[in-house]
Amino acid sequence: MNPTANRTMAAYFGLRVEVIHKMDCCSLIRYQGRHFIVDTVDLAISRSVKSAA
């Protein structure tokens, strides 16, 4: 199974980031190989799903 098949992506002040863990008040995100803790309300969450044809 490919661990990157179902990733949760978000926009964080115009930057496209990967959401590692989302909680009520804060979230852990990855941007350019670095991890950051940010306020969850600042994220615009979108779901990225890849499937085999």
Protein backbone atom coordinates (compact mmCIF):
# COMPACT_ATOMS: atom_id res chain seq x y z
CA MET A 1 0.00 0.00 0.00
CA ASN A 2 1.29 3.43 -0.92
CA PRO A 3 1.44 5.74 2.15
CA THR A 4 1.08 8.82 -0.07
CA ALA A 5 -2.07 7.55 -1.83
CA ASN A 6 -4.48 9.39 0.49
CA ARG A 7 -3.06 12.66 1.74
CA THR A 8 -4.87 15.56 3.31
CA MET A 9 -3.70 18.79 1.77
CA ALA A 10 -4.52 22.29 2.92
CA ALA A 11 -3.90 25.88 2.05
CA TYR A 12 -2.10 27.82 4.77
CA PHE A 13 -2.06 31.53 3.93
CA GLY A 14 -1.71 30.70 0.25
CA LEU A 15 0.86 27.90 0.70
CA ARG A 16 -0.06 24.31 -0.17
CA VAL A 17 0.85 22.11 2.82
CA GLU A 18 0.29 18.50 3.90
CA VAL A 19 -1.68 17.96 7.11
CA ILE A 20 0.02 15.29 9.23
CA HIS A 21 -2.30 15.44 12.26
CA LYS A 22 -5.36 17.64 12.79
CA MET A 23 -6.75 18.50 16.23
CA ASP A 24 -9.39 20.99 17.40
CA CYS A 25 -7.10 23.89 18.21
CA CYS A 26 -3.81 23.13 16.42
CA SER A 27 -2.46 20.93 13.66
CA LEU A 28 0.86 19.45 12.59
CA ILE A 29 1.69 20.23 8.96
CA ARG A 30 4.57 19.54 6.56
CA TYR A 31 5.89 22.16 4.13
CA GLN A 32 9.02 21.61 2.04
CA GLY A 33 10.19 18.76 4.28
CA ARG A 34 9.78 20.73 7.51
CA HIS A 35 7.14 20.24 10.20
CA PHE A 36 5.20 23.07 11.80
CA ILE A 37 2.45 23.42 14.39
CA VAL A 38 -0.23 25.87 13.29
CA ASP A 39 -3.73 26.97 14.33
CA THR A 40 -6.32 24.66 12.75
CA VAL A 41 -8.67 27.54 11.99
CA ASP A 42 -6.01 28.98 9.64
CA LEU A 43 -6.08 25.87 7.40
CA ALA A 44 -8.33 25.47 4.35
CA ILE A 45 -8.55 21.66 4.20
CA SER A 46 -8.91 19.73 0.94
CA ARG A 47 -8.66 16.00 0.34
CA SER A 48 -6.25 14.60 -2.27
CA VAL A 49 -7.11 11.05 -3.32
CA LYS A 50 -5.23 9.07 -5.95
CA SER A 51 -6.68 5.84 -7.22
CA ALA A 52 -5.53 3.19 -9.65
CA ALA A 53 -7.36 3.08 -12.95
